[in-house]
């Protein structure tokens, strides 16, 4: 597992990078759900958004481990 990523001499924690990637993916997913009005099927929107973010973060971390 990589704990630190070197970006042009700046050491960045890998988890910070994965959080940013998961946030961008969740923002895109939220926009799609708003566009197609799928939030009407969700009981609590904030909890749903947070759980989707956690699932995406886990998927991104797992994918990074799988690819390295």
N, C-alpha and C. Protein backbone atom coordinates (compact mmCIF):
# COMPACT_ATOMS: atom_id res chain seq x y z
N UNK A 1 0.84 -1.18 0.00
CA UNK A 1 0.00 0.00 0.00
C UNK A 1 0.88 1.23 0.00
N UNK A 2 0.56 2.16 -0.85
CA UNK A 2 1.30 3.41 -0.93
C UNK A 2 0.66 4.41 0.03
N UNK A 3 1.49 4.93 0.92
CA UNK A 3 0.98 5.90 1.88
C UNK A 3 1.22 7.33 1.42
N UNK A 4 2.24 7.50 0.57
CA UNK A 4 2.62 8.83 0.14
C UNK A 4 2.85 8.80 -1.37
N UNK A 5 2.38 9.83 -2.05
CA UNK A 5 2.59 9.94 -3.49
C UNK A 5 3.45 11.17 -3.75
N UNK A 6 4.46 11.00 -4.58
CA UNK A 6 5.37 12.09 -4.90
C UNK A 6 4.87 12.80 -6.16
N UNK A 7 4.44 14.06 -5.98
CA UNK A 7 3.99 14.86 -7.13
C UNK A 7 4.98 16.01 -7.31
N UNK A 8 5.89 15.85 -8.23
CA UNK A 8 6.90 16.86 -8.53
C UNK A 8 7.65 17.30 -7.27
N UNK A 9 8.03 16.37 -6.44
CA UNK A 9 8.79 16.66 -5.25
C UNK A 9 7.97 16.99 -4.03
N UNK A 10 6.67 17.09 -4.18
CA UNK A 10 5.79 17.35 -3.03
C UNK A 10 5.14 16.03 -2.63
N UNK A 11 5.38 15.63 -1.39
CA UNK A 11 4.83 14.37 -0.91
C UNK A 11 3.42 14.62 -0.39
N UNK A 12 2.46 13.95 -1.01
CA UNK A 12 1.05 14.11 -0.67
C UNK A 12 0.54 12.77 -0.14
N UNK A 13 -0.19 12.78 0.97
CA UNK A 13 -0.76 11.50 1.44
C UNK A 13 -1.69 10.91 0.38
N UNK A 14 -1.55 9.63 0.16
CA UNK A 14 -2.35 8.97 -0.88
C UNK A 14 -3.84 9.06 -0.57
N UNK A 15 -4.19 8.98 0.71
CA UNK A 15 -5.61 9.04 1.07
C UNK A 15 -6.22 10.38 0.68
N UNK A 16 -5.46 11.46 0.79
CA UNK A 16 -5.97 12.78 0.39
C UNK A 16 -6.30 12.79 -1.10
N UNK A 17 -5.44 12.21 -1.89
CA UNK A 17 -5.70 12.15 -3.33
C UNK A 17 -6.93 11.30 -3.64
N UNK A 18 -7.08 10.18 -2.93
CA UNK A 18 -8.25 9.31 -3.17
C UNK A 18 -9.53 9.99 -2.71
N UNK A 19 -9.45 10.80 -1.65
CA UNK A 19 -10.63 11.53 -1.19
C UNK A 19 -11.07 12.54 -2.25
N UNK A 20 -10.13 13.22 -2.87
CA UNK A 20 -10.46 14.20 -3.91
C UNK A 20 -11.10 13.50 -5.10
N UNK A 21 -10.56 12.36 -5.48
CA UNK A 21 -11.12 11.61 -6.61
C UNK A 21 -12.55 11.14 -6.29
N UNK A 22 -12.74 10.63 -5.07
CA UNK A 22 -14.07 10.17 -4.68
C UNK A 22 -15.05 11.33 -4.60
N UNK A 23 -14.60 12.49 -4.15
CA UNK A 23 -15.48 13.65 -4.09
C UNK A 23 -15.94 14.10 -5.48
N UNK A 24 -15.01 14.10 -6.43
CA UNK A 24 -15.36 14.49 -7.80
C UNK A 24 -16.37 13.50 -8.38
N UNK A 25 -16.13 12.20 -8.14
CA UNK A 25 -17.07 11.19 -8.64
C UNK A 25 -18.44 11.33 -7.99
N UNK A 26 -18.46 11.61 -6.69
CA UNK A 26 -19.76 11.75 -6.02
C UNK A 26 -20.47 13.02 -6.47
N UNK A 27 -19.73 14.08 -6.77
CA UNK A 27 -20.36 15.29 -7.29
C UNK A 27 -21.01 15.03 -8.64
N UNK A 28 -20.32 14.28 -9.48
CA UNK A 28 -20.90 13.94 -10.79
C UNK A 28 -22.15 13.07 -10.63
N UNK A 29 -22.08 12.13 -9.69
CA UNK A 29 -23.23 11.25 -9.45
C UNK A 29 -24.41 12.03 -8.89
N UNK A 30 -24.14 12.99 -7.97
CA UNK A 30 -25.22 13.83 -7.43
C UNK A 30 -25.89 14.64 -8.53
N UNK A 31 -25.08 15.17 -9.45
CA UNK A 31 -25.63 15.96 -10.54
C UNK A 31 -26.53 15.11 -11.44
N UNK A 32 -26.09 13.86 -11.70
CA UNK A 32 -26.91 12.96 -12.51
C UNK A 32 -28.22 12.61 -11.80
N UNK A 33 -28.13 12.39 -10.48
CA UNK A 33 -29.34 12.05 -9.74
C UNK A 33 -30.32 13.22 -9.70
N UNK A 34 -29.80 14.43 -9.62
CA UNK A 34 -30.69 15.59 -9.66
C UNK A 34 -31.33 15.75 -11.03
N UNK A 35 -30.54 15.52 -12.05
CA UNK A 35 -31.05 15.70 -13.41
C UNK A 35 -32.19 14.74 -13.71
N UNK A 36 -32.06 13.49 -13.27
CA UNK A 36 -33.08 12.49 -13.54
C UNK A 36 -34.09 12.33 -12.40
N UNK A 37 -34.02 13.22 -11.44
CA UNK A 37 -34.97 13.28 -10.32
C UNK A 37 -35.05 11.96 -9.56
N UNK A 38 -33.88 11.38 -9.29
CA UNK A 38 -33.83 10.11 -8.56
C UNK A 38 -33.80 10.31 -7.06
N UNK A 39 -33.64 11.55 -6.60
CA UNK A 39 -33.64 11.80 -5.16
C UNK A 39 -35.03 11.61 -4.55
N UNK A 40 -36.07 11.56 -5.37
CA UNK A 40 -37.40 11.31 -4.83
C UNK A 40 -37.52 9.90 -4.29
N UNK A 41 -36.61 8.99 -4.67
CA UNK A 41 -36.62 7.62 -4.19
C UNK A 41 -35.81 7.44 -2.91
N UNK A 42 -35.13 8.51 -2.46
CA UNK A 42 -34.23 8.44 -1.31
C UNK A 42 -34.93 9.02 -0.09
N UNK A 43 -34.78 8.32 1.06
CA UNK A 43 -35.45 8.78 2.27
C UNK A 43 -34.77 10.01 2.85
N UNK A 44 -33.44 9.95 3.05
CA UNK A 44 -32.69 11.06 3.65
C UNK A 44 -31.53 11.40 2.72
N UNK A 45 -31.63 12.53 2.07
CA UNK A 45 -30.69 12.87 1.01
C UNK A 45 -29.25 13.00 1.51
N UNK A 46 -29.05 13.65 2.66
CA UNK A 46 -27.69 13.85 3.16
C UNK A 46 -27.03 12.53 3.54
N UNK A 47 -27.78 11.66 4.20
CA UNK A 47 -27.22 10.35 4.55
C UNK A 47 -26.90 9.54 3.31
N UNK A 48 -27.76 9.64 2.32
CA UNK A 48 -27.52 8.91 1.08
C UNK A 48 -26.26 9.42 0.38
N UNK A 49 -26.11 10.74 0.32
CA UNK A 49 -24.92 11.32 -0.32
C UNK A 49 -23.65 10.91 0.42
N UNK A 50 -23.70 10.93 1.76
CA UNK A 50 -22.53 10.54 2.53
C UNK A 50 -22.20 9.07 2.33
N UNK A 51 -23.21 8.22 2.31
CA UNK A 51 -22.94 6.80 2.13
C UNK A 51 -22.41 6.50 0.73
N UNK A 52 -22.89 7.23 -0.25
CA UNK A 52 -22.36 7.04 -1.61
C UNK A 52 -20.90 7.49 -1.66
N UNK A 53 -20.58 8.58 -0.97
CA UNK A 53 -19.20 9.05 -0.94
C UNK A 53 -18.29 8.01 -0.28
N UNK A 54 -18.73 7.42 0.83
CA UNK A 54 -17.92 6.42 1.51
C UNK A 54 -17.73 5.19 0.62
N UNK A 55 -18.78 4.78 -0.06
CA UNK A 55 -18.67 3.63 -0.96
C UNK A 55 -17.72 3.93 -2.12
N UNK A 56 -17.82 5.13 -2.66
CA UNK A 56 -16.92 5.50 -3.75
C UNK A 56 -15.47 5.58 -3.28
N UNK A 57 -15.26 6.10 -2.07
CA UNK A 57 -13.91 6.17 -1.53
C UNK A 57 -13.34 4.77 -1.34
N UNK A 58 -14.12 3.86 -0.82
CA UNK A 58 -13.67 2.49 -0.67
C UNK A 58 -13.35 1.85 -2.01
N UNK A 59 -14.18 2.13 -3.00
CA UNK A 59 -13.93 1.59 -4.33
C UNK A 59 -12.68 2.15 -4.97
N UNK A 60 -12.45 3.44 -4.78
CA UNK A 60 -11.25 4.07 -5.36
C UNK A 60 -10.00 3.53 -4.68
N UNK A 61 -10.03 3.38 -3.37
CA UNK A 61 -8.86 2.84 -2.65
C UNK A 61 -8.62 1.39 -3.07
N UNK A 62 -9.68 0.59 -3.14
CA UNK A 62 -9.53 -0.80 -3.56
C UNK A 62 -8.98 -0.87 -4.99
N UNK A 63 -9.48 -0.03 -5.88
CA UNK A 63 -9.02 -0.04 -7.26
C UNK A 63 -7.56 0.38 -7.35
N UNK A 64 -7.14 1.34 -6.54
CA UNK A 64 -5.74 1.76 -6.56
C UNK A 64 -4.84 0.65 -6.05
N UNK A 65 -5.30 -0.10 -5.06
CA UNK A 65 -4.52 -1.22 -4.56
C UNK A 65 -4.47 -2.35 -5.59
N UNK A 66 -5.57 -2.55 -6.27
CA UNK A 66 -5.64 -3.61 -7.27
C UNK A 66 -4.75 -3.30 -8.46
N UNK A 67 -4.68 -2.04 -8.86
CA UNK A 67 -3.90 -1.67 -10.04
C UNK A 67 -2.40 -1.55 -9.75
N UNK A 68 -2.03 -1.36 -8.47
CA UNK A 68 -0.58 -1.22 -8.19
C UNK A 68 0.06 -2.55 -7.88
